[in-house]
N, C-alpha and C. Protein backbone atom coordinates (compact mmCIF):
# COMPACT_ATOMS: atom_id res chain seq x y z
N UNK A 1 -37.41 -29.22 16.71
CA UNK A 1 -36.61 -28.83 15.56
C UNK A 1 -35.14 -29.07 15.88
N UNK A 2 -34.42 -29.63 14.93
CA UNK A 2 -33.01 -29.93 15.11
C UNK A 2 -32.18 -28.65 15.17
N UNK A 3 -31.16 -28.70 15.97
CA UNK A 3 -30.26 -27.56 16.12
C UNK A 3 -29.34 -27.47 14.90
N UNK A 4 -29.28 -26.30 14.25
CA UNK A 4 -28.37 -26.16 13.09
C UNK A 4 -26.92 -26.39 13.51
N UNK A 5 -26.16 -26.98 12.62
CA UNK A 5 -24.75 -27.29 12.88
C UNK A 5 -23.94 -26.04 13.25
N UNK A 6 -24.24 -24.92 12.59
CA UNK A 6 -23.52 -23.68 12.90
C UNK A 6 -23.76 -23.26 14.35
N UNK A 7 -24.98 -23.35 14.81
CA UNK A 7 -25.32 -22.98 16.18
C UNK A 7 -24.63 -23.92 17.16
N UNK A 8 -24.59 -25.22 16.82
CA UNK A 8 -23.92 -26.19 17.68
C UNK A 8 -22.43 -25.86 17.80
N UNK A 9 -21.81 -25.46 16.69
CA UNK A 9 -20.40 -25.08 16.73
C UNK A 9 -20.19 -23.88 17.64
N UNK A 10 -21.12 -22.96 17.64
CA UNK A 10 -21.01 -21.79 18.53
C UNK A 10 -21.09 -22.22 20.00
N UNK A 11 -21.95 -23.18 20.29
CA UNK A 11 -22.04 -23.71 21.66
C UNK A 11 -20.70 -24.33 22.04
N UNK A 12 -20.19 -25.19 21.18
CA UNK A 12 -18.92 -25.88 21.46
C UNK A 12 -17.80 -24.86 21.62
N UNK A 13 -17.75 -23.87 20.72
CA UNK A 13 -16.71 -22.84 20.82
C UNK A 13 -16.77 -22.15 22.18
N UNK A 14 -17.95 -21.70 22.58
CA UNK A 14 -18.05 -20.96 23.84
C UNK A 14 -17.68 -21.83 25.03
N UNK A 15 -18.07 -23.08 25.02
CA UNK A 15 -17.74 -23.98 26.12
C UNK A 15 -16.25 -24.30 26.15
N UNK A 16 -15.67 -24.56 24.98
CA UNK A 16 -14.24 -24.86 24.90
C UNK A 16 -13.41 -23.64 25.30
N UNK A 17 -13.83 -22.49 24.84
CA UNK A 17 -13.15 -21.24 25.21
C UNK A 17 -13.28 -21.01 26.72
N UNK A 18 -14.44 -21.23 27.25
CA UNK A 18 -14.70 -20.99 28.66
C UNK A 18 -13.96 -21.93 29.59
N UNK A 19 -13.66 -23.14 29.13
CA UNK A 19 -12.98 -24.10 29.99
C UNK A 19 -11.60 -23.60 30.40
N UNK A 20 -11.03 -22.72 29.63
CA UNK A 20 -9.74 -22.13 29.96
C UNK A 20 -9.81 -21.28 31.23
N UNK A 21 -10.98 -20.80 31.54
CA UNK A 21 -11.14 -19.86 32.65
C UNK A 21 -11.82 -20.44 33.87
N UNK A 22 -12.20 -21.69 33.81
CA UNK A 22 -12.82 -22.29 34.98
C UNK A 22 -13.73 -23.44 34.64
N UNK A 23 -14.54 -23.81 35.58
CA UNK A 23 -15.46 -24.94 35.49
C UNK A 23 -16.55 -24.68 34.45
N UNK A 24 -16.57 -25.47 33.38
CA UNK A 24 -17.57 -25.25 32.33
C UNK A 24 -18.85 -26.02 32.58
N UNK A 25 -18.79 -26.99 33.47
CA UNK A 25 -19.98 -27.80 33.70
C UNK A 25 -20.83 -27.29 34.86
N UNK A 26 -20.50 -26.10 35.35
CA UNK A 26 -21.31 -25.54 36.43
C UNK A 26 -22.65 -25.08 35.88
N UNK A 27 -23.61 -25.02 36.74
CA UNK A 27 -24.95 -24.58 36.34
C UNK A 27 -24.91 -23.16 35.79
N UNK A 28 -24.09 -22.29 36.39
CA UNK A 28 -24.00 -20.91 35.94
C UNK A 28 -23.46 -20.82 34.51
N UNK A 29 -22.42 -21.61 34.22
CA UNK A 29 -21.83 -21.61 32.88
C UNK A 29 -22.83 -22.10 31.84
N UNK A 30 -23.52 -23.17 32.18
CA UNK A 30 -24.52 -23.72 31.25
C UNK A 30 -25.65 -22.72 31.03
N UNK A 31 -26.12 -22.10 32.11
CA UNK A 31 -27.19 -21.11 31.98
C UNK A 31 -26.76 -19.92 31.14
N UNK A 32 -25.52 -19.49 31.30
CA UNK A 32 -25.00 -18.37 30.53
C UNK A 32 -24.99 -18.68 29.03
N UNK A 33 -24.49 -19.85 28.67
CA UNK A 33 -24.46 -20.25 27.26
C UNK A 33 -25.88 -20.37 26.72
N UNK A 34 -26.78 -20.94 27.52
CA UNK A 34 -28.18 -21.08 27.09
C UNK A 34 -28.80 -19.72 26.80
N UNK A 35 -28.55 -18.75 27.69
CA UNK A 35 -29.12 -17.41 27.49
C UNK A 35 -28.50 -16.70 26.30
N UNK A 36 -27.17 -16.75 26.20
CA UNK A 36 -26.48 -16.04 25.12
C UNK A 36 -26.88 -16.55 23.74
N UNK A 37 -26.95 -17.87 23.61
CA UNK A 37 -27.21 -18.46 22.30
C UNK A 37 -28.66 -18.88 22.10
N UNK A 38 -29.47 -18.73 23.14
CA UNK A 38 -30.88 -19.09 23.08
C UNK A 38 -31.05 -20.55 22.63
N UNK A 39 -30.42 -21.44 23.40
CA UNK A 39 -30.48 -22.88 23.12
C UNK A 39 -30.93 -23.62 24.37
N UNK A 40 -31.24 -24.89 24.20
CA UNK A 40 -31.73 -25.71 25.31
C UNK A 40 -30.59 -26.29 26.13
N UNK A 41 -30.92 -26.71 27.34
CA UNK A 41 -29.94 -27.37 28.21
C UNK A 41 -29.41 -28.64 27.54
N UNK A 42 -30.28 -29.35 26.85
CA UNK A 42 -29.88 -30.56 26.15
C UNK A 42 -28.80 -30.26 25.10
N UNK A 43 -28.95 -29.17 24.37
CA UNK A 43 -27.95 -28.79 23.37
C UNK A 43 -26.62 -28.46 24.02
N UNK A 44 -26.67 -27.78 25.17
CA UNK A 44 -25.44 -27.44 25.88
C UNK A 44 -24.77 -28.71 26.40
N UNK A 45 -25.55 -29.66 26.87
CA UNK A 45 -24.99 -30.93 27.35
C UNK A 45 -24.29 -31.68 26.21
N UNK A 46 -24.90 -31.67 25.02
CA UNK A 46 -24.27 -32.30 23.86
C UNK A 46 -22.97 -31.57 23.51
N UNK A 47 -23.00 -30.25 23.63
CA UNK A 47 -21.80 -29.45 23.40
C UNK A 47 -20.70 -29.80 24.38
N UNK A 48 -21.07 -30.01 25.64
CA UNK A 48 -20.09 -30.41 26.66
C UNK A 48 -19.46 -31.76 26.33
N UNK A 49 -20.26 -32.68 25.81
CA UNK A 49 -19.73 -33.98 25.42
C UNK A 49 -18.67 -33.83 24.32
N UNK A 50 -18.95 -32.96 23.36
CA UNK A 50 -17.98 -32.75 22.28
C UNK A 50 -16.72 -32.08 22.83
N UNK A 51 -16.88 -31.12 23.73
CA UNK A 51 -15.72 -30.46 24.33
C UNK A 51 -14.84 -31.50 25.02
N UNK A 52 -15.44 -32.43 25.75
CA UNK A 52 -14.66 -33.47 26.42
C UNK A 52 -13.89 -34.32 25.40
N UNK A 53 -14.50 -34.62 24.26
CA UNK A 53 -13.81 -35.37 23.21
C UNK A 53 -12.64 -34.56 22.65
N UNK A 54 -12.85 -33.28 22.42
CA UNK A 54 -11.78 -32.41 21.91
C UNK A 54 -10.63 -32.37 22.90
N UNK A 55 -10.95 -32.23 24.19
CA UNK A 55 -9.91 -32.13 25.21
C UNK A 55 -9.06 -33.40 25.30
N UNK A 56 -9.62 -34.54 24.94
CA UNK A 56 -8.85 -35.79 24.93
C UNK A 56 -7.72 -35.74 23.89
N UNK A 57 -7.89 -34.91 22.86
CA UNK A 57 -6.93 -34.83 21.76
C UNK A 57 -6.20 -33.50 21.72
N UNK A 58 -6.33 -32.70 22.77
CA UNK A 58 -5.83 -31.32 22.73
C UNK A 58 -4.33 -31.23 22.47
N UNK A 59 -3.56 -32.16 23.02
CA UNK A 59 -2.11 -32.12 22.81
C UNK A 59 -1.75 -32.34 21.34
N UNK A 60 -2.37 -33.33 20.72
CA UNK A 60 -2.07 -33.58 19.31
C UNK A 60 -2.58 -32.44 18.42
N UNK A 61 -3.71 -31.87 18.79
CA UNK A 61 -4.24 -30.73 18.03
C UNK A 61 -3.27 -29.55 18.13
N UNK A 62 -2.79 -29.27 19.34
CA UNK A 62 -1.85 -28.16 19.53
C UNK A 62 -0.54 -28.40 18.78
N UNK A 63 -0.10 -29.66 18.70
CA UNK A 63 1.11 -29.98 17.94
C UNK A 63 0.92 -29.67 16.46
N UNK A 64 -0.25 -30.02 15.93
CA UNK A 64 -0.55 -29.71 14.52
C UNK A 64 -0.57 -28.20 14.28
N UNK A 65 -1.18 -27.48 15.21
CA UNK A 65 -1.25 -26.02 15.09
C UNK A 65 0.15 -25.43 15.15
N UNK A 66 0.97 -25.90 16.10
CA UNK A 66 2.34 -25.41 16.24
C UNK A 66 3.16 -25.71 14.98
N UNK A 67 2.96 -26.90 14.41
CA UNK A 67 3.66 -27.27 13.18
C UNK A 67 3.31 -26.30 12.05
N UNK A 68 2.04 -26.00 11.92
CA UNK A 68 1.58 -25.16 10.81
C UNK A 68 1.91 -23.68 11.02
N UNK A 69 2.14 -23.29 12.25
CA UNK A 69 2.45 -21.87 12.52
C UNK A 69 3.86 -21.74 13.08
N UNK A 70 4.82 -22.40 12.44
CA UNK A 70 6.19 -22.46 12.95
C UNK A 70 6.77 -21.09 13.28
N UNK A 71 6.46 -20.10 12.49
CA UNK A 71 7.02 -18.76 12.72
C UNK A 71 6.24 -17.97 13.76
N UNK A 72 5.18 -18.55 14.28
CA UNK A 72 4.33 -17.85 15.24
C UNK A 72 4.04 -18.82 16.38
N UNK A 73 4.75 -18.68 17.51
CA UNK A 73 4.59 -19.64 18.62
C UNK A 73 3.14 -19.79 19.09
N UNK A 74 2.80 -21.00 19.49
CA UNK A 74 1.45 -21.34 19.94
C UNK A 74 0.96 -20.39 21.04
N UNK A 75 1.86 -20.03 21.96
CA UNK A 75 1.47 -19.16 23.07
C UNK A 75 1.06 -17.76 22.61
N UNK A 76 1.50 -17.35 21.44
CA UNK A 76 1.18 -16.01 20.94
C UNK A 76 -0.13 -15.95 20.17
N UNK A 77 -0.67 -17.10 19.83
CA UNK A 77 -1.95 -17.14 19.11
C UNK A 77 -3.03 -16.77 20.11
N UNK A 78 -3.90 -15.84 19.72
CA UNK A 78 -4.96 -15.42 20.65
C UNK A 78 -5.82 -16.62 21.04
N UNK A 79 -6.35 -16.57 22.24
CA UNK A 79 -7.15 -17.68 22.76
C UNK A 79 -8.37 -17.95 21.87
N UNK A 80 -8.96 -16.91 21.33
CA UNK A 80 -10.13 -17.09 20.45
C UNK A 80 -9.72 -17.90 19.22
N UNK A 81 -8.67 -17.46 18.54
CA UNK A 81 -8.25 -18.17 17.33
C UNK A 81 -7.75 -19.58 17.65
N UNK A 82 -7.03 -19.72 18.75
CA UNK A 82 -6.52 -21.05 19.12
C UNK A 82 -7.67 -22.02 19.41
N UNK A 83 -8.69 -21.54 20.10
CA UNK A 83 -9.85 -22.38 20.40
C UNK A 83 -10.57 -22.79 19.11
N UNK A 84 -10.73 -21.85 18.21
CA UNK A 84 -11.38 -22.15 16.93
C UNK A 84 -10.54 -23.15 16.14
N UNK A 85 -9.22 -22.95 16.13
CA UNK A 85 -8.34 -23.90 15.44
C UNK A 85 -8.46 -25.30 16.04
N UNK A 86 -8.45 -25.40 17.35
CA UNK A 86 -8.56 -26.70 18.01
C UNK A 86 -9.87 -27.39 17.65
N UNK A 87 -10.95 -26.64 17.73
CA UNK A 87 -12.27 -27.21 17.49
C UNK A 87 -12.42 -27.68 16.04
N UNK A 88 -12.05 -26.84 15.10
CA UNK A 88 -12.25 -27.18 13.69
C UNK A 88 -11.22 -28.19 13.21
N UNK A 89 -10.03 -28.15 13.77
CA UNK A 89 -9.03 -29.16 13.43
C UNK A 89 -9.49 -30.53 13.94
N UNK A 90 -10.12 -30.55 15.11
CA UNK A 90 -10.69 -31.80 15.62
C UNK A 90 -11.71 -32.35 14.62
N UNK A 91 -12.56 -31.48 14.09
CA UNK A 91 -13.56 -31.92 13.11
C UNK A 91 -12.89 -32.48 11.86
N UNK A 92 -11.79 -31.84 11.44
CA UNK A 92 -11.10 -32.27 10.23
C UNK A 92 -10.41 -33.63 10.42
N UNK A 93 -9.80 -33.83 11.58
CA UNK A 93 -8.96 -35.00 11.79
C UNK A 93 -9.66 -36.18 12.47
N UNK A 94 -10.67 -35.90 13.30
CA UNK A 94 -11.26 -36.98 14.10
C UNK A 94 -12.75 -37.22 13.82
N UNK A 95 -13.35 -36.39 13.01
CA UNK A 95 -14.75 -36.60 12.63
C UNK A 95 -14.83 -36.73 11.12
N UNK A 96 -15.99 -36.96 10.63
CA UNK A 96 -16.16 -37.11 9.19
C UNK A 96 -16.59 -35.80 8.52
N UNK A 97 -16.28 -34.69 9.16
CA UNK A 97 -16.61 -33.39 8.59
C UNK A 97 -15.63 -33.11 7.44
N UNK A 98 -16.14 -32.80 6.25
CA UNK A 98 -15.23 -32.44 5.15
C UNK A 98 -14.37 -31.25 5.56
N UNK A 99 -13.09 -31.33 5.23
CA UNK A 99 -12.15 -30.28 5.64
C UNK A 99 -12.57 -28.90 5.19
N UNK A 100 -13.06 -28.80 3.98
CA UNK A 100 -13.44 -27.47 3.46
C UNK A 100 -14.61 -26.89 4.26
N UNK A 101 -15.51 -27.73 4.74
CA UNK A 101 -16.62 -27.27 5.57
C UNK A 101 -16.07 -26.78 6.92
N UNK A 102 -15.18 -27.57 7.51
CA UNK A 102 -14.59 -27.18 8.80
C UNK A 102 -13.82 -25.86 8.67
N UNK A 103 -13.08 -25.70 7.59
CA UNK A 103 -12.31 -24.46 7.38
C UNK A 103 -13.25 -23.28 7.20
N UNK A 104 -14.28 -23.44 6.40
CA UNK A 104 -15.25 -22.36 6.18
C UNK A 104 -15.90 -21.95 7.50
N UNK A 105 -16.26 -22.93 8.31
CA UNK A 105 -16.88 -22.65 9.60
C UNK A 105 -15.89 -21.97 10.55
N UNK A 106 -14.64 -22.38 10.49
CA UNK A 106 -13.61 -21.76 11.34
C UNK A 106 -13.45 -20.28 10.99
N UNK A 107 -13.46 -19.98 9.72
CA UNK A 107 -13.34 -18.59 9.27
C UNK A 107 -14.57 -17.79 9.73
N UNK A 108 -15.75 -18.39 9.60
CA UNK A 108 -16.98 -17.71 10.04
C UNK A 108 -16.92 -17.41 11.54
N UNK A 109 -16.53 -18.41 12.32
CA UNK A 109 -16.44 -18.21 13.78
C UNK A 109 -15.40 -17.16 14.13
N UNK A 110 -14.29 -17.17 13.40
CA UNK A 110 -13.24 -16.17 13.66
C UNK A 110 -13.74 -14.76 13.39
N UNK A 111 -14.49 -14.61 12.33
CA UNK A 111 -15.04 -13.28 12.04
C UNK A 111 -16.07 -12.87 13.09
N UNK A 112 -16.86 -13.83 13.56
CA UNK A 112 -17.91 -13.52 14.53
C UNK A 112 -17.35 -13.24 15.92
N UNK A 113 -16.40 -14.05 16.37
CA UNK A 113 -15.91 -13.94 17.74
C UNK A 113 -14.53 -13.30 17.84
N UNK A 114 -13.84 -13.16 16.72
CA UNK A 114 -12.49 -12.61 16.74
C UNK A 114 -12.39 -11.38 15.87
N UNK A 115 -11.51 -11.44 14.89
CA UNK A 115 -11.26 -10.29 14.03
C UNK A 115 -11.05 -10.75 12.58
N UNK A 116 -11.13 -9.82 11.63
CA UNK A 116 -10.87 -10.19 10.23
C UNK A 116 -9.44 -10.74 10.04
N UNK A 117 -8.48 -10.13 10.76
CA UNK A 117 -7.10 -10.61 10.67
C UNK A 117 -6.99 -12.03 11.23
N UNK A 118 -7.70 -12.27 12.32
CA UNK A 118 -7.71 -13.60 12.93
C UNK A 118 -8.31 -14.63 11.99
N UNK A 119 -9.35 -14.23 11.27
CA UNK A 119 -9.98 -15.14 10.31
C UNK A 119 -9.00 -15.52 9.20
N UNK A 120 -8.22 -14.56 8.74
CA UNK A 120 -7.21 -14.84 7.71
C UNK A 120 -6.15 -15.79 8.25
N UNK A 121 -5.71 -15.55 9.49
CA UNK A 121 -4.72 -16.40 10.14
C UNK A 121 -5.24 -17.83 10.27
N UNK A 122 -6.46 -17.97 10.79
CA UNK A 122 -7.08 -19.29 10.97
C UNK A 122 -7.20 -20.01 9.63
N UNK A 123 -7.63 -19.31 8.61
CA UNK A 123 -7.74 -19.89 7.28
C UNK A 123 -6.39 -20.42 6.80
N UNK A 124 -5.34 -19.63 6.99
CA UNK A 124 -4.01 -20.03 6.54
C UNK A 124 -3.50 -21.26 7.27
N UNK A 125 -3.68 -21.30 8.59
CA UNK A 125 -3.22 -22.45 9.38
C UNK A 125 -3.97 -23.72 8.97
N UNK A 126 -5.30 -23.64 8.91
CA UNK A 126 -6.09 -24.83 8.56
C UNK A 126 -5.83 -25.28 7.13
N UNK A 127 -5.62 -24.33 6.22
CA UNK A 127 -5.31 -24.69 4.84
C UNK A 127 -3.98 -25.44 4.78
N UNK A 128 -3.01 -24.98 5.55
CA UNK A 128 -1.69 -25.64 5.59
C UNK A 128 -1.84 -27.08 6.09
N UNK A 129 -2.62 -27.27 7.14
CA UNK A 129 -2.83 -28.61 7.69
C UNK A 129 -3.64 -29.47 6.72
N UNK A 130 -4.62 -28.86 6.06
CA UNK A 130 -5.42 -29.57 5.06
C UNK A 130 -4.52 -30.12 3.95
N UNK A 131 -3.60 -29.29 3.48
CA UNK A 131 -2.69 -29.72 2.41
C UNK A 131 -1.77 -30.84 2.90
N UNK A 132 -1.42 -30.81 4.17
CA UNK A 132 -0.55 -31.85 4.74
C UNK A 132 -1.28 -33.19 4.81
N UNK A 133 -2.55 -33.16 5.25
CA UNK A 133 -3.30 -34.40 5.47
C UNK A 133 -4.20 -34.80 4.32
N UNK A 134 -4.56 -33.85 3.48
CA UNK A 134 -5.54 -34.14 2.44
C UNK A 134 -6.94 -34.19 3.02
N UNK A 135 -7.93 -34.58 2.25
CA UNK A 135 -9.32 -34.58 2.75
C UNK A 135 -9.77 -35.93 3.18
C-alpha cells in the first residue's frame, strides 16, 4: 500500500527537524522515526532523500522566510515553525505541489507539532510568499 502524502510529510518534517540536533542518517534516528510514525525503513530512506534536497536550497528558503517575516527575525522563529516553513516552501517553489495544498499541509503540521499560534504564523508567512510568487 502506498504511503499517504500526509504521512510522508510527517517523516520529512521529523527528519528535517532532527538534523538540527545531530546525525539523521544514523540507525537509531531511522529506527526512532519508524517506531514513532509506524512506517517502513524504505519510507524513511525516501524521506531522507527529500531532506537532502531541501538542505540544498536551505539558504534561499531561509531568505524567503526572512523576507516575509521582516518584523520577526529568522532566529526568533521557533525551530518547529521554521522547519515546517522550509519544508512546505520547498514544495511550493521547487516541486509541483500546488501552493494551497502546501500551505494547508503546513498549517496542519503546525497544529500537530507546534501550536495554534504557530499555525497562524506559518499560514501568514506562506500566504505572503504565495502572493509574491503566485501559483
